PDB file of all heavy atoms in Angstrom:
ATOM      1  N   LYS A   1     -60.524 -52.480 -24.508  1.00  0.00           N
ATOM      2  CA  LYS A   1     -59.364 -52.323 -25.392  1.00  0.00           C
ATOM      3  C   LYS A   1     -58.668 -53.667 -25.585  1.00  0.00           C
ATOM      4  O   LYS A   1     -58.336 -54.049 -26.704  1.00  0.00           O
ATOM      5  CB  LYS A   1     -58.387 -51.303 -24.812  1.00  0.00           C
ATOM      6  CG  LYS A   1     -57.130 -51.134 -25.642  1.00  0.00           C
ATOM      7  CD  LYS A   1     -56.197 -50.112 -25.040  1.00  0.00           C
ATOM      8  CE  LYS A   1     -54.929 -49.960 -25.866  1.00  0.00           C
ATOM      9  NZ  LYS A   1     -54.043 -48.929 -25.304  1.00  0.00           N
ATOM     10  N   TYR A   2     -58.482 -54.396 -24.495  1.00  0.00           N
ATOM     11  CA  TYR A   2     -57.824 -55.698 -24.567  1.00  0.00           C
ATOM     12  C   TYR A   2     -58.604 -56.661 -25.468  1.00  0.00           C
ATOM     13  O   TYR A   2     -58.032 -57.287 -26.358  1.00  0.00           O
ATOM     14  CB  TYR A   2     -57.678 -56.287 -23.159  1.00  0.00           C
ATOM     15  CG  TYR A   2     -57.085 -57.671 -23.157  1.00  0.00           C
ATOM     16  CD1 TYR A   2     -55.715 -57.856 -23.307  1.00  0.00           C
ATOM     17  CD2 TYR A   2     -57.898 -58.788 -23.009  1.00  0.00           C
ATOM     18  CE1 TYR A   2     -55.169 -59.123 -23.316  1.00  0.00           C
ATOM     19  CE2 TYR A   2     -57.363 -60.057 -23.015  1.00  0.00           C
ATOM     20  CZ  TYR A   2     -55.995 -60.223 -23.166  1.00  0.00           C
ATOM     21  OH  TYR A   2     -55.458 -61.485 -23.187  1.00  0.00           O
ATOM     22  N   VAL A   3     -59.904 -56.763 -25.236  1.00  0.00           N
ATOM     23  CA  VAL A   3     -60.733 -57.663 -26.046  1.00  0.00           C
ATOM     24  C   VAL A   3     -60.771 -57.190 -27.493  1.00  0.00           C
ATOM     25  O   VAL A   3     -60.672 -57.996 -28.425  1.00  0.00           O
ATOM     26  CB  VAL A   3     -62.159 -57.774 -25.450  1.00  0.00           C
ATOM     27  CG1 VAL A   3     -63.092 -58.514 -26.389  1.00  0.00           C
ATOM     28  CG2 VAL A   3     -62.103 -58.456 -24.091  1.00  0.00           C
ATOM     29  N   GLY A   4     -60.904 -55.872 -27.682  1.00  0.00           N
ATOM     30  CA  GLY A   4     -60.943 -55.330 -29.034  1.00  0.00           C
ATOM     31  C   GLY A   4     -59.671 -55.610 -29.811  1.00  0.00           C
ATOM     32  O   GLY A   4     -59.714 -55.875 -31.016  1.00  0.00           O
ATOM     33  N   GLN A   5     -58.530 -55.581 -29.144  1.00  0.00           N
ATOM     34  CA  GLN A   5     -57.267 -55.880 -29.810  1.00  0.00           C
ATOM     35  C   GLN A   5     -57.191 -57.345 -30.216  1.00  0.00           C
ATOM     36  O   GLN A   5     -56.559 -57.678 -31.209  1.00  0.00           O
ATOM     37  CB  GLN A   5     -56.084 -55.524 -28.899  1.00  0.00           C
ATOM     38  CG  GLN A   5     -55.896 -54.040 -28.742  1.00  0.00           C
ATOM     39  CD  GLN A   5     -54.851 -53.681 -27.712  1.00  0.00           C
ATOM     40  OE1 GLN A   5     -54.597 -54.438 -26.773  1.00  0.00           O
ATOM     41  NE2 GLN A   5     -54.254 -52.508 -27.861  1.00  0.00           N
ATOM     42  N   LYS A   6     -57.857 -58.206 -29.469  1.00  0.00           N
ATOM     43  CA  LYS A   6     -57.864 -59.637 -29.800  1.00  0.00           C
ATOM     44  C   LYS A   6     -58.872 -59.948 -30.907  1.00  0.00           C
ATOM     45  O   LYS A   6     -58.628 -60.800 -31.743  1.00  0.00           O
ATOM     46  CB  LYS A   6     -58.199 -60.482 -28.564  1.00  0.00           C
ATOM     47  CG  LYS A   6     -57.246 -60.316 -27.418  1.00  0.00           C
ATOM     48  CD  LYS A   6     -55.868 -60.800 -27.769  1.00  0.00           C
ATOM     49  CE  LYS A   6     -54.928 -60.646 -26.594  1.00  0.00           C
ATOM     50  NZ  LYS A   6     -53.547 -60.832 -26.941  1.00  0.00           N
ATOM     51  N   VAL A   7     -60.000 -59.261 -30.901  1.00  0.00           N
ATOM     52  CA  VAL A   7     -61.079 -59.519 -31.852  1.00  0.00           C
ATOM     53  C   VAL A   7     -60.886 -58.736 -33.149  1.00  0.00           C
ATOM     54  O   VAL A   7     -61.102 -59.249 -34.233  1.00  0.00           O
ATOM     55  CB  VAL A   7     -62.452 -59.185 -31.222  1.00  0.00           C
ATOM     56  CG1 VAL A   7     -63.569 -59.322 -32.229  1.00  0.00           C
ATOM     57  CG2 VAL A   7     -62.702 -60.059 -30.014  1.00  0.00           C
ATOM     58  N   GLY A   8     -60.541 -57.499 -33.026  1.00  0.00           N
ATOM     59  CA  GLY A   8     -60.352 -56.644 -34.185  1.00  0.00           C
ATOM     60  C   GLY A   8     -60.317 -55.196 -33.754  1.00  0.00           C
ATOM     61  O   GLY A   8     -61.336 -54.660 -33.318  1.00  0.00           O
ATOM     62  N   SER A   9     -59.167 -54.580 -33.873  1.00  0.00           N
ATOM     63  CA  SER A   9     -59.011 -53.224 -33.364  1.00  0.00           C
ATOM     64  C   SER A   9     -59.808 -52.201 -34.154  1.00  0.00           C
ATOM     65  O   SER A   9     -59.994 -51.081 -33.708  1.00  0.00           O
ATOM     66  CB  SER A   9     -57.538 -52.835 -33.322  1.00  0.00           C
ATOM     67  OG  SER A   9     -56.979 -52.908 -34.614  1.00  0.00           O
ATOM     68  N   PHE A  10     -60.310 -52.550 -35.322  1.00  0.00           N
ATOM     69  CA  PHE A  10     -61.134 -51.623 -36.087  1.00  0.00           C
ATOM     70  C   PHE A  10     -62.434 -51.302 -35.362  1.00  0.00           C
ATOM     71  O   PHE A  10     -63.094 -50.313 -35.658  1.00  0.00           O
ATOM     72  CB  PHE A  10     -61.428 -52.183 -37.482  1.00  0.00           C
ATOM     73  CG  PHE A  10     -62.237 -53.442 -37.462  1.00  0.00           C
ATOM     74  CD1 PHE A  10     -63.622 -53.391 -37.537  1.00  0.00           C
ATOM     75  CD2 PHE A  10     -61.624 -54.684 -37.362  1.00  0.00           C
ATOM     76  CE1 PHE A  10     -64.379 -54.547 -37.507  1.00  0.00           C
ATOM     77  CE2 PHE A  10     -62.378 -55.843 -37.340  1.00  0.00           C
ATOM     78  CZ  PHE A  10     -63.755 -55.777 -37.412  1.00  0.00           C
ATOM     79  N   LEU A  11     -62.810 -52.119 -34.391  1.00  0.00           N
ATOM     80  CA  LEU A  11     -64.040 -51.893 -33.624  1.00  0.00           C
ATOM     81  C   LEU A  11     -63.855 -50.866 -32.518  1.00  0.00           C
ATOM     82  O   LEU A  11     -64.827 -50.381 -31.955  1.00  0.00           O
ATOM     83  CB  LEU A  11     -64.515 -53.205 -32.986  1.00  0.00           C
ATOM     84  CG  LEU A  11     -64.922 -54.321 -33.942  1.00  0.00           C
ATOM     85  CD1 LEU A  11     -65.168 -55.607 -33.174  1.00  0.00           C
ATOM     86  CD2 LEU A  11     -66.156 -53.917 -34.726  1.00  0.00           C
ATOM     87  N   LEU A  12     -62.617 -50.524 -32.196  1.00  0.00           N
ATOM     88  CA  LEU A  12     -62.345 -49.665 -31.048  1.00  0.00           C
ATOM     89  C   LEU A  12     -62.535 -48.193 -31.390  1.00  0.00           C
ATOM     90  O   LEU A  12     -62.092 -47.718 -32.424  1.00  0.00           O
ATOM     91  CB  LEU A  12     -60.914 -49.885 -30.557  1.00  0.00           C
ATOM     92  CG  LEU A  12     -60.570 -51.300 -30.115  1.00  0.00           C
ATOM     93  CD1 LEU A  12     -59.108 -51.382 -29.722  1.00  0.00           C
ATOM     94  CD2 LEU A  12     -61.449 -51.741 -28.975  1.00  0.00           C
ATOM     95  N   THR A  13     -63.161 -47.482 -30.478  1.00  0.00           N
ATOM     96  CA  THR A  13     -63.285 -46.033 -30.625  1.00  0.00           C
ATOM     97  C   THR A  13     -61.988 -45.384 -30.151  1.00  0.00           C
ATOM     98  O   THR A  13     -61.146 -46.031 -29.521  1.00  0.00           O
ATOM     99  CB  THR A  13     -64.462 -45.495 -29.795  1.00  0.00           C
ATOM    100  OG1 THR A  13     -64.198 -45.742 -28.411  1.00  0.00           O
ATOM    101  CG2 THR A  13     -65.780 -46.124 -30.200  1.00  0.00           C
ATOM    102  N   LYS A  14     -61.855 -44.094 -30.408  1.00  0.00           N
ATOM    103  CA  LYS A  14     -60.651 -43.372 -30.008  1.00  0.00           C
ATOM    104  C   LYS A  14     -60.454 -43.417 -28.495  1.00  0.00           C
ATOM    105  O   LYS A  14     -59.342 -43.606 -28.002  1.00  0.00           O
ATOM    106  CB  LYS A  14     -60.742 -41.920 -30.495  1.00  0.00           C
ATOM    107  CG  LYS A  14     -59.524 -41.109 -30.194  1.00  0.00           C
ATOM    108  CD  LYS A  14     -59.671 -39.695 -30.725  1.00  0.00           C
ATOM    109  CE  LYS A  14     -58.447 -38.874 -30.365  1.00  0.00           C
ATOM    110  NZ  LYS A  14     -58.556 -37.494 -30.808  1.00  0.00           N
ATOM    111  N   GLU A  15     -61.543 -43.259 -27.746  1.00  0.00           N
ATOM    112  CA  GLU A  15     -61.443 -43.275 -26.282  1.00  0.00           C
ATOM    113  C   GLU A  15     -60.936 -44.617 -25.768  1.00  0.00           C
ATOM    114  O   GLU A  15     -60.093 -44.671 -24.876  1.00  0.00           O
ATOM    115  CB  GLU A  15     -62.799 -42.958 -25.657  1.00  0.00           C
ATOM    116  CG  GLU A  15     -62.755 -42.873 -24.154  1.00  0.00           C
ATOM    117  CD  GLU A  15     -64.079 -42.530 -23.522  1.00  0.00           C
ATOM    118  OE1 GLU A  15     -65.138 -42.775 -24.144  1.00  0.00           O
ATOM    119  OE2 GLU A  15     -64.059 -42.011 -22.400  1.00  0.00           O
ATOM    120  N   VAL A  16     -61.418 -45.697 -26.354  1.00  0.00           N
ATOM    121  CA  VAL A  16     -60.978 -47.022 -25.924  1.00  0.00           C
ATOM    122  C   VAL A  16     -59.530 -47.261 -26.346  1.00  0.00           C
ATOM    123  O   VAL A  16     -58.732 -47.803 -25.577  1.00  0.00           O
ATOM    124  CB  VAL A  16     -61.917 -48.120 -26.482  1.00  0.00           C
ATOM    125  CG1 VAL A  16     -61.397 -49.505 -26.145  1.00  0.00           C
ATOM    126  CG2 VAL A  16     -63.333 -47.941 -25.947  1.00  0.00           C
ATOM    127  N   ARG A  17     -59.170 -46.852 -27.541  1.00  0.00           N
ATOM    128  CA  ARG A  17     -57.776 -47.015 -28.003  1.00  0.00           C
ATOM    129  C   ARG A  17     -56.800 -46.251 -27.111  1.00  0.00           C
ATOM    130  O   ARG A  17     -55.665 -46.677 -26.929  1.00  0.00           O
ATOM    131  CB  ARG A  17     -57.629 -46.537 -29.446  1.00  0.00           C
ATOM    132  CG  ARG A  17     -58.065 -47.546 -30.472  1.00  0.00           C
ATOM    133  CD  ARG A  17     -57.570 -47.165 -31.860  1.00  0.00           C
ATOM    134  NE  ARG A  17     -58.004 -45.837 -32.275  1.00  0.00           N
ATOM    135  CZ  ARG A  17     -59.112 -45.567 -32.958  1.00  0.00           C
ATOM    136  NH1 ARG A  17     -59.916 -46.555 -33.308  1.00  0.00           N
ATOM    137  NH2 ARG A  17     -59.419 -44.333 -33.289  1.00  0.00           N
ATOM    138  N   ASN A  18     -57.223 -45.131 -26.544  1.00  0.00           N
ATOM    139  CA  ASN A  18     -56.349 -44.316 -25.686  1.00  0.00           C
ATOM    140  C   ASN A  18     -56.272 -44.815 -24.237  1.00  0.00           C
ATOM    141  O   ASN A  18     -55.515 -44.272 -23.444  1.00  0.00           O
ATOM    142  CB  ASN A  18     -56.800 -42.857 -25.697  1.00  0.00           C
ATOM    143  CG  ASN A  18     -56.537 -42.202 -27.029  1.00  0.00           C
ATOM    144  OD1 ASN A  18     -55.666 -42.616 -27.778  1.00  0.00           O
ATOM    145  ND2 ASN A  18     -57.310 -41.180 -27.338  1.00  0.00           N
ATOM    146  N   ALA A  19     -57.057 -45.824 -23.892  1.00  0.00           N
ATOM    147  CA  ALA A  19     -57.016 -46.380 -22.534  1.00  0.00           C
ATOM    148  C   ALA A  19     -55.677 -47.097 -22.326  1.00  0.00           C
ATOM    149  O   ALA A  19     -55.045 -47.544 -23.286  1.00  0.00           O
ATOM    150  CB  ALA A  19     -58.176 -47.353 -22.332  1.00  0.00           C
ATOM    151  N   PRO A  20     -55.243 -47.213 -21.077  1.00  0.00           N
ATOM    152  CA  PRO A  20     -53.990 -47.940 -20.812  1.00  0.00           C
ATOM    153  C   PRO A  20     -54.102 -49.406 -21.230  1.00  0.00           C
ATOM    154  O   PRO A  20     -55.202 -49.953 -21.355  1.00  0.00           O
ATOM    155  CB  PRO A  20     -53.829 -47.845 -19.288  1.00  0.00           C
ATOM    156  CG  PRO A  20     -54.722 -46.742 -18.855  1.00  0.00           C
ATOM    157  CD  PRO A  20     -55.825 -46.667 -19.863  1.00  0.00           C
ATOM    158  N   ASN A  21     -52.970 -50.043 -21.427  1.00  0.00           N
ATOM    159  CA  ASN A  21     -52.958 -51.475 -21.741  1.00  0.00           C
ATOM    160  C   ASN A  21     -53.263 -52.268 -20.477  1.00  0.00           C
ATOM    161  O   ASN A  21     -52.890 -51.867 -19.372  1.00  0.00           O
ATOM    162  CB  ASN A  21     -51.592 -51.892 -22.292  1.00  0.00           C
ATOM    163  CG  ASN A  21     -51.350 -51.326 -23.665  1.00  0.00           C
ATOM    164  OD1 ASN A  21     -52.249 -51.282 -24.506  1.00  0.00           O
ATOM    165  ND2 ASN A  21     -50.131 -50.870 -23.908  1.00  0.00           N
ATOM    166  N   LEU A  22     -53.903 -53.402 -20.652  1.00  0.00           N
ATOM    167  CA  LEU A  22     -54.305 -54.227 -19.514  1.00  0.00           C
ATOM    168  C   LEU A  22     -53.099 -54.670 -18.693  1.00  0.00           C
ATOM    169  O   LEU A  22     -53.143 -54.646 -17.460  1.00  0.00           O
ATOM    170  CB  LEU A  22     -55.099 -55.447 -19.986  1.00  0.00           C
ATOM    171  CG  LEU A  22     -55.613 -56.382 -18.898  1.00  0.00           C
ATOM    172  CD1 LEU A  22     -56.576 -55.650 -17.971  1.00  0.00           C
ATOM    173  CD2 LEU A  22     -56.287 -57.594 -19.503  1.00  0.00           C
ATOM    174  N   LYS A  23     -52.013 -55.036 -19.348  1.00  0.00           N
ATOM    175  CA  LYS A  23     -50.847 -55.523 -18.591  1.00  0.00           C
ATOM    176  C   LYS A  23     -50.230 -54.434 -17.709  1.00  0.00           C
ATOM    177  O   LYS A  23     -49.593 -54.740 -16.716  1.00  0.00           O
ATOM    178  CB  LYS A  23     -49.796 -56.121 -19.530  1.00  0.00           C
ATOM    179  CG  LYS A  23     -49.114 -55.143 -20.430  1.00  0.00           C
ATOM    180  CD  LYS A  23     -48.101 -55.863 -21.324  1.00  0.00           C
ATOM    181  CE  LYS A  23     -47.425 -54.879 -22.228  1.00  0.00           C
ATOM    182  NZ  LYS A  23     -46.228 -54.311 -21.687  1.00  0.00           N
ATOM    183  N   ASP A  24     -50.454 -53.167 -18.071  1.00  0.00           N
ATOM    184  CA  ASP A  24     -49.909 -52.052 -17.292  1.00  0.00           C
ATOM    185  C   ASP A  24     -50.917 -51.469 -16.305  1.00  0.00           C
ATOM    186  O   ASP A  24     -50.578 -50.588 -15.512  1.00  0.00           O
ATOM    187  CB  ASP A  24     -49.455 -50.923 -18.229  1.00  0.00           C
ATOM    188  CG  ASP A  24     -48.417 -51.391 -19.220  1.00  0.00           C
ATOM    189  OD1 ASP A  24     -47.592 -52.250 -18.850  1.00  0.00           O
ATOM    190  OD2 ASP A  24     -48.434 -50.908 -20.369  1.00  0.00           O
ATOM    191  N   TRP A  25     -52.154 -51.927 -16.340  1.00  0.00           N
ATOM    192  CA  TRP A  25     -53.218 -51.345 -15.538  1.00  0.00           C
ATOM    193  C   TRP A  25     -53.163 -51.863 -14.110  1.00  0.00           C
ATOM    194  O   TRP A  25     -53.112 -53.070 -13.869  1.00  0.00           O
ATOM    195  CB  TRP A  25     -54.569 -51.638 -16.178  1.00  0.00           C
ATOM    196  CG  TRP A  25     -55.739 -51.029 -15.484  1.00  0.00           C
ATOM    197  CD1 TRP A  25     -56.810 -51.696 -14.975  1.00  0.00           C
ATOM    198  CD2 TRP A  25     -55.989 -49.637 -15.236  1.00  0.00           C
ATOM    199  NE1 TRP A  25     -57.696 -50.804 -14.419  1.00  0.00           N
ATOM    200  CE2 TRP A  25     -57.210 -49.535 -14.566  1.00  0.00           C
ATOM    201  CE3 TRP A  25     -55.282 -48.480 -15.504  1.00  0.00           C
ATOM    202  CZ2 TRP A  25     -57.751 -48.328 -14.167  1.00  0.00           C
ATOM    203  CZ3 TRP A  25     -55.818 -47.267 -15.115  1.00  0.00           C
ATOM    204  CH2 TRP A  25     -57.042 -47.205 -14.453  1.00  0.00           C
ATOM    205  N   MET A  26     -53.182 -50.949 -13.130  1.00  0.00           N
ATOM    206  CA  MET A  26     -53.037 -51.321 -11.721  1.00  0.00           C
ATOM    207  C   MET A  26     -54.209 -52.137 -11.190  1.00  0.00           C
ATOM    208  O   MET A  26     -54.050 -52.918 -10.260  1.00  0.00           O
ATOM    209  CB  MET A  26     -52.850 -50.074 -10.869  1.00  0.00           C
ATOM    210  CG  MET A  26     -54.040 -49.158 -10.887  1.00  0.00           C
ATOM    211  SD  MET A  26     -53.748 -47.697  -9.904  1.00  0.00           S
ATOM    212  CE  MET A  26     -55.198 -46.764 -10.295  1.00  0.00           C
ATOM    213  N   ASP A  27     -55.407 -51.955 -11.739  1.00  0.00           N
ATOM    214  CA  ASP A  27     -56.593 -52.649 -11.231  1.00  0.00           C
ATOM    215  C   ASP A  27     -57.034 -53.783 -12.149  1.00  0.00           C
ATOM    216  O   ASP A  27     -58.222 -54.065 -12.280  1.00  0.00           O
ATOM    217  CB  ASP A  27     -57.744 -51.648 -11.061  1.00  0.00           C
ATOM    218  CG  ASP A  27     -57.505 -50.689  -9.913  1.00  0.00           C
ATOM    219  OD1 ASP A  27     -56.877 -51.104  -8.920  1.00  0.00           O
ATOM    220  OD2 ASP A  27     -57.932 -49.523 -10.006  1.00  0.00           O
ATOM    221  N   LYS A  28     -56.102 -54.464 -12.775  1.00  0.00           N
ATOM    222  CA  LYS A  28     -56.440 -55.502 -13.742  1.00  0.00           C
ATOM    223  C   LYS A  28     -57.056 -56.748 -13.104  1.00  0.00           C
ATOM    224  O   LYS A  28     -57.594 -57.586 -13.794  1.00  0.00           O
ATOM    225  CB  LYS A  28     -55.233 -55.882 -14.574  1.00  0.00           C
ATOM    226  CG  LYS A  28     -54.089 -56.445 -13.784  1.00  0.00           C
ATOM    227  CD  LYS A  28     -52.924 -56.747 -14.710  1.00  0.00           C
ATOM    228  CE  LYS A  28     -51.640 -56.726 -13.926  1.00  0.00           C
ATOM    229  NZ  LYS A  28     -50.643 -55.906 -14.518  1.00  0.00           N
ATOM    230  N   ASP A  29     -57.016 -56.848 -11.802  1.00  0.00           N
ATOM    231  CA  ASP A  29     -57.542 -58.032 -11.135  1.00  0.00           C
ATOM    232  C   ASP A  29     -59.009 -57.900 -10.724  1.00  0.00           C
ATOM    233  O   ASP A  29     -59.563 -58.808 -10.120  1.00  0.00           O
ATOM    234  CB  ASP A  29     -56.676 -58.380  -9.922  1.00  0.00           C
ATOM    235  CG  ASP A  29     -56.502 -57.222  -8.961  1.00  0.00           C
ATOM    236  OD1 ASP A  29     -56.759 -56.071  -9.348  1.00  0.00           O
ATOM    237  OD2 ASP A  29     -56.090 -57.470  -7.812  1.00  0.00           O
ATOM    238  N   TYR A  30     -59.654 -56.797 -11.068  1.00  0.00           N
ATOM    239  CA  TYR A  30     -61.074 -56.616 -10.745  1.00  0.00           C
ATOM    240  C   TYR A  30     -61.940 -57.186 -11.855  1.00  0.00           C
ATOM    241  O   TYR A  30     -61.593 -57.109 -13.033  1.00  0.00           O
ATOM    242  CB  TYR A  30     -61.411 -55.132 -10.554  1.00  0.00           C
ATOM    243  CG  TYR A  30     -60.891 -54.583  -9.257  1.00  0.00           C
ATOM    244  CD1 TYR A  30     -59.648 -53.980  -9.178  1.00  0.00           C
ATOM    245  CD2 TYR A  30     -61.657 -54.679  -8.099  1.00  0.00           C
ATOM    246  CE1 TYR A  30     -59.167 -53.484  -7.985  1.00  0.00           C
ATOM    247  CE2 TYR A  30     -61.182 -54.182  -6.898  1.00  0.00           C
ATOM    248  CZ  TYR A  30     -59.937 -53.593  -6.854  1.00  0.00           C
ATOM    249  OH  TYR A  30     -59.467 -53.105  -5.663  1.00  0.00           O
ATOM    250  N   GLY A  31     -63.094 -57.726 -11.482  1.00  0.00           N
ATOM    251  CA  GLY A  31     -64.021 -58.257 -12.465  1.00  0.00           C
ATOM    252  C   GLY A  31     -64.687 -57.147 -13.266  1.00  0.00           C
ATOM    253  O   GLY A  31     -64.892 -56.041 -12.768  1.00  0.00           O
ATOM    254  N   VAL A  32     -64.990 -57.440 -14.506  1.00  0.00           N
ATOM    255  CA  VAL A  32     -65.548 -56.412 -15.385  1.00  0.00           C
ATOM    256  C   VAL A  32     -66.810 -56.887 -16.106  1.00  0.00           C
ATOM    257  O   VAL A  32     -67.163 -56.356 -17.148  1.00  0.00           O
ATOM    258  CB  VAL A  32     -64.496 -55.934 -16.405  1.00  0.00           C
ATOM    259  CG1 VAL A  32     -63.395 -55.174 -15.727  1.00  0.00           C
ATOM    260  CG2 VAL A  32     -63.951 -57.095 -17.202  1.00  0.00           C
ATOM    261  N   ALA A  33     -67.500 -57.859 -15.539  1.00  0.00           N
ATOM    262  CA  ALA A  33     -68.699 -58.386 -16.189  1.00  0.00           C
ATOM    263  C   ALA A  33     -69.784 -57.320 -16.343  1.00  0.00           C
ATOM    264  O   ALA A  33     -70.602 -57.393 -17.255  1.00  0.00           O
ATOM    265  CB  ALA A  33     -69.248 -59.576 -15.393  1.00  0.00           C
ATOM    266  N   PHE A  34     -69.801 -56.339 -15.476  1.00  0.00           N
ATOM    267  CA  PHE A  34     -70.767 -55.248 -15.579  1.00  0.00           C
ATOM    268  C   PHE A  34     -70.173 -54.053 -16.315  1.00  0.00           C
ATOM    269  O   PHE A  34     -70.849 -53.383 -17.091  1.00  0.00           O
ATOM    270  CB  PHE A  34     -71.226 -54.833 -14.176  1.00  0.00           C
ATOM    271  CG  PHE A  34     -72.312 -53.802 -14.168  1.00  0.00           C
ATOM    272  CD1 PHE A  34     -73.580 -54.099 -14.619  1.00  0.00           C
ATOM    273  CD2 PHE A  34     -72.060 -52.521 -13.703  1.00  0.00           C
ATOM    274  CE1 PHE A  34     -74.579 -53.140 -14.619  1.00  0.00           C
ATOM    275  CE2 PHE A  34     -73.053 -51.567 -13.686  1.00  0.00           C
ATOM    276  CZ  PHE A  34     -74.319 -51.872 -14.149  1.00  0.00           C
ATOM    277  N   GLU A  35     -68.883 -53.782 -16.088  1.00  0.00           N
ATOM    278  CA  GLU A  35     -68.246 -52.591 -16.655  1.00  0.00           C
ATOM    279  C   GLU A  35     -68.069 -52.663 -18.166  1.00  0.00           C
ATOM    280  O   GLU A  35     -68.265 -51.667 -18.864  1.00  0.00           O
ATOM    281  CB  GLU A  35     -66.888 -52.351 -15.993  1.00  0.00           C
ATOM    282  CG  GLU A  35     -66.938 -52.135 -14.506  1.00  0.00           C
ATOM    283  CD  GLU A  35     -67.807 -50.959 -14.107  1.00  0.00           C
ATOM    284  OE1 GLU A  35     -67.920 -49.987 -14.866  1.00  0.00           O
ATOM    285  OE2 GLU A  35     -68.378 -51.009 -13.006  1.00  0.00           O
ATOM    286  N   MET A  36     -67.662 -53.808 -18.685  1.00  0.00           N
ATOM    287  CA  MET A  36     -67.424 -53.905 -20.127  1.00  0.00           C
ATOM    288  C   MET A  36     -68.691 -53.679 -20.955  1.00  0.00           C
ATOM    289  O   MET A  36     -68.657 -52.911 -21.922  1.00  0.00           O
ATOM    290  CB  MET A  36     -66.778 -55.240 -20.481  1.00  0.00           C
ATOM    291  CG  MET A  36     -65.298 -55.253 -20.224  1.00  0.00           C
ATOM    292  SD  MET A  36     -64.493 -56.776 -20.709  1.00  0.00           S
ATOM    293  CE  MET A  36     -64.756 -56.777 -22.462  1.00  0.00           C
ATOM    294  N   PRO A  37     -69.812 -54.310 -20.615  1.00  0.00           N
ATOM    295  CA  PRO A  37     -71.024 -54.013 -21.390  1.00  0.00           C
ATOM    296  C   PRO A  37     -71.444 -52.547 -21.295  1.00  0.00           C
ATOM    297  O   PRO A  37     -71.919 -51.970 -22.279  1.00  0.00           O
ATOM    298  CB  PRO A  37     -72.088 -54.926 -20.772  1.00  0.00           C
ATOM    299  CG  PRO A  37     -71.319 -56.027 -20.146  1.00  0.00           C
ATOM    300  CD  PRO A  37     -70.028 -55.420 -19.689  1.00  0.00           C
ATOM    301  N   LEU A  38     -71.258 -51.919 -20.126  1.00  0.00           N
ATOM    302  CA  LEU A  38     -71.591 -50.500 -19.997  1.00  0.00           C
ATOM    303  C   LEU A  38     -70.738 -49.653 -20.927  1.00  0.00           C
ATOM    304  O   LEU A  38     -71.249 -48.785 -21.637  1.00  0.00           O
ATOM    305  CB  LEU A  38     -71.372 -50.025 -18.557  1.00  0.00           C
ATOM    306  CG  LEU A  38     -72.446 -50.362 -17.546  1.00  0.00           C
ATOM    307  CD1 LEU A  38     -72.056 -49.826 -16.173  1.00  0.00           C
ATOM    308  CD2 LEU A  38     -73.769 -49.794 -17.947  1.00  0.00           C
ATOM    309  N   VAL A  39     -69.438 -49.891 -20.936  1.00  0.00           N
ATOM    310  CA  VAL A  39     -68.540 -49.125 -21.801  1.00  0.00           C
ATOM    311  C   VAL A  39     -68.869 -49.402 -23.264  1.00  0.00           C
ATOM    312  O   VAL A  39     -68.895 -48.480 -24.084  1.00  0.00           O
ATOM    313  CB  VAL A  39     -67.063 -49.450 -21.480  1.00  0.00           C
ATOM    314  CG1 VAL A  39     -66.139 -48.910 -22.550  1.00  0.00           C
ATOM    315  CG2 VAL A  39     -66.694 -48.876 -20.125  1.00  0.00           C
ATOM    316  N   ALA A  40     -69.125 -50.654 -23.595  1.00  0.00           N
ATOM    317  CA  ALA A  40     -69.465 -50.983 -24.983  1.00  0.00           C
ATOM    318  C   ALA A  40     -70.737 -50.249 -25.422  1.00  0.00           C
ATOM    319  O   ALA A  40     -70.790 -49.695 -26.529  1.00  0.00           O
ATOM    320  CB  ALA A  40     -69.627 -52.490 -25.137  1.00  0.00           C
ATOM    321  N   LEU A  41     -71.744 -50.215 -24.564  1.00  0.00           N
ATOM    322  CA  LEU A  41     -72.970 -49.490 -24.898  1.00  0.00           C
ATOM    323  C   LEU A  41     -72.725 -47.994 -25.020  1.00  0.00           C
ATOM    324  O   LEU A  41     -73.267 -47.340 -25.909  1.00  0.00           O
ATOM    325  CB  LEU A  41     -74.051 -49.753 -23.845  1.00  0.00           C
ATOM    326  CG  LEU A  41     -74.785 -51.070 -23.955  1.00  0.00           C
ATOM    327  CD1 LEU A  41     -75.679 -51.281 -22.730  1.00  0.00           C
ATOM    328  CD2 LEU A  41     -75.616 -51.120 -25.223  1.00  0.00           C
ATOM    329  N   GLU A  42     -71.902 -47.449 -24.133  1.00  0.00           N
ATOM    330  CA  GLU A  42     -71.550 -46.016 -24.222  1.00  0.00           C
ATOM    331  C   GLU A  42     -70.945 -45.708 -25.589  1.00  0.00           C
ATOM    332  O   GLU A  42     -71.280 -44.705 -26.215  1.00  0.00           O
ATOM    333  CB  GLU A  42     -70.498 -45.640 -23.176  1.00  0.00           C
ATOM    334  CG  GLU A  42     -70.948 -45.605 -21.766  1.00  0.00           C
ATOM    335  CD  GLU A  42     -69.767 -45.420 -20.816  1.00  0.00           C
ATOM    336  OE1 GLU A  42     -68.644 -45.097 -21.278  1.00  0.00           O
ATOM    337  OE2 GLU A  42     -69.964 -45.600 -19.611  1.00  0.00           O
ATOM    338  N   GLN A  43     -70.037 -46.567 -26.028  1.00  0.00           N
ATOM    339  CA  GLN A  43     -69.331 -46.332 -27.280  1.00  0.00           C
ATOM    340  C   GLN A  43     -70.256 -46.511 -28.478  1.00  0.00           C
ATOM    341  O   GLN A  43     -70.240 -45.709 -29.408  1.00  0.00           O
ATOM    342  CB  GLN A  43     -68.120 -47.267 -27.394  1.00  0.00           C
ATOM    343  CG  GLN A  43     -67.132 -47.166 -26.247  1.00  0.00           C
ATOM    344  CD  GLN A  43     -66.579 -45.767 -26.035  1.00  0.00           C
ATOM    345  OE1 GLN A  43     -66.140 -45.125 -26.971  1.00  0.00           O
ATOM    346  NE2 GLN A  43     -66.602 -45.304 -24.794  1.00  0.00           N
ATOM    347  N   VAL A  44     -71.065 -47.548 -28.457  1.00  0.00           N
ATOM    348  CA  VAL A  44     -71.976 -47.816 -29.574  1.00  0.00           C
ATOM    349  C   VAL A  44     -73.034 -46.722 -29.697  1.00  0.00           C
ATOM    350  O   VAL A  44     -73.357 -46.275 -30.795  1.00  0.00           O
ATOM    351  CB  VAL A  44     -72.647 -49.202 -29.410  1.00  0.00           C
ATOM    352  CG1 VAL A  44     -73.788 -49.394 -30.382  1.00  0.00           C
ATOM    353  CG2 VAL A  44     -71.611 -50.308 -29.590  1.00  0.00           C
ATOM    354  N   LEU A  45     -73.555 -46.264 -28.561  1.00  0.00           N
ATOM    355  CA  LEU A  45     -74.611 -45.254 -28.567  1.00  0.00           C
ATOM    356  C   LEU A  45     -74.059 -43.823 -28.631  1.00  0.00           C
ATOM    357  O   LEU A  45     -74.837 -42.876 -28.665  1.00  0.00           O
ATOM    358  CB  LEU A  45     -75.488 -45.404 -27.313  1.00  0.00           C
ATOM    359  CG  LEU A  45     -76.229 -46.731 -27.193  1.00  0.00           C
ATOM    360  CD1 LEU A  45     -76.947 -46.821 -25.849  1.00  0.00           C
ATOM    361  CD2 LEU A  45     -77.203 -46.926 -28.339  1.00  0.00           C
TER     362      LEU A  45
END
C-alpha cells in the first residue's frame, strides 16, 4: 500500500487499499523483501 501510494494508487487492489497505513502499523520495522513480492503476486494472479 505504501509503495503503491508513492508509485500510483490506481495499481492497488481493494484489499491493499484497506490495509493499515505504514506509519500506523505496529510491525513497520520488519523487512518485507519476501512478503511484498508474495502479496503483489497474490493480487496480480
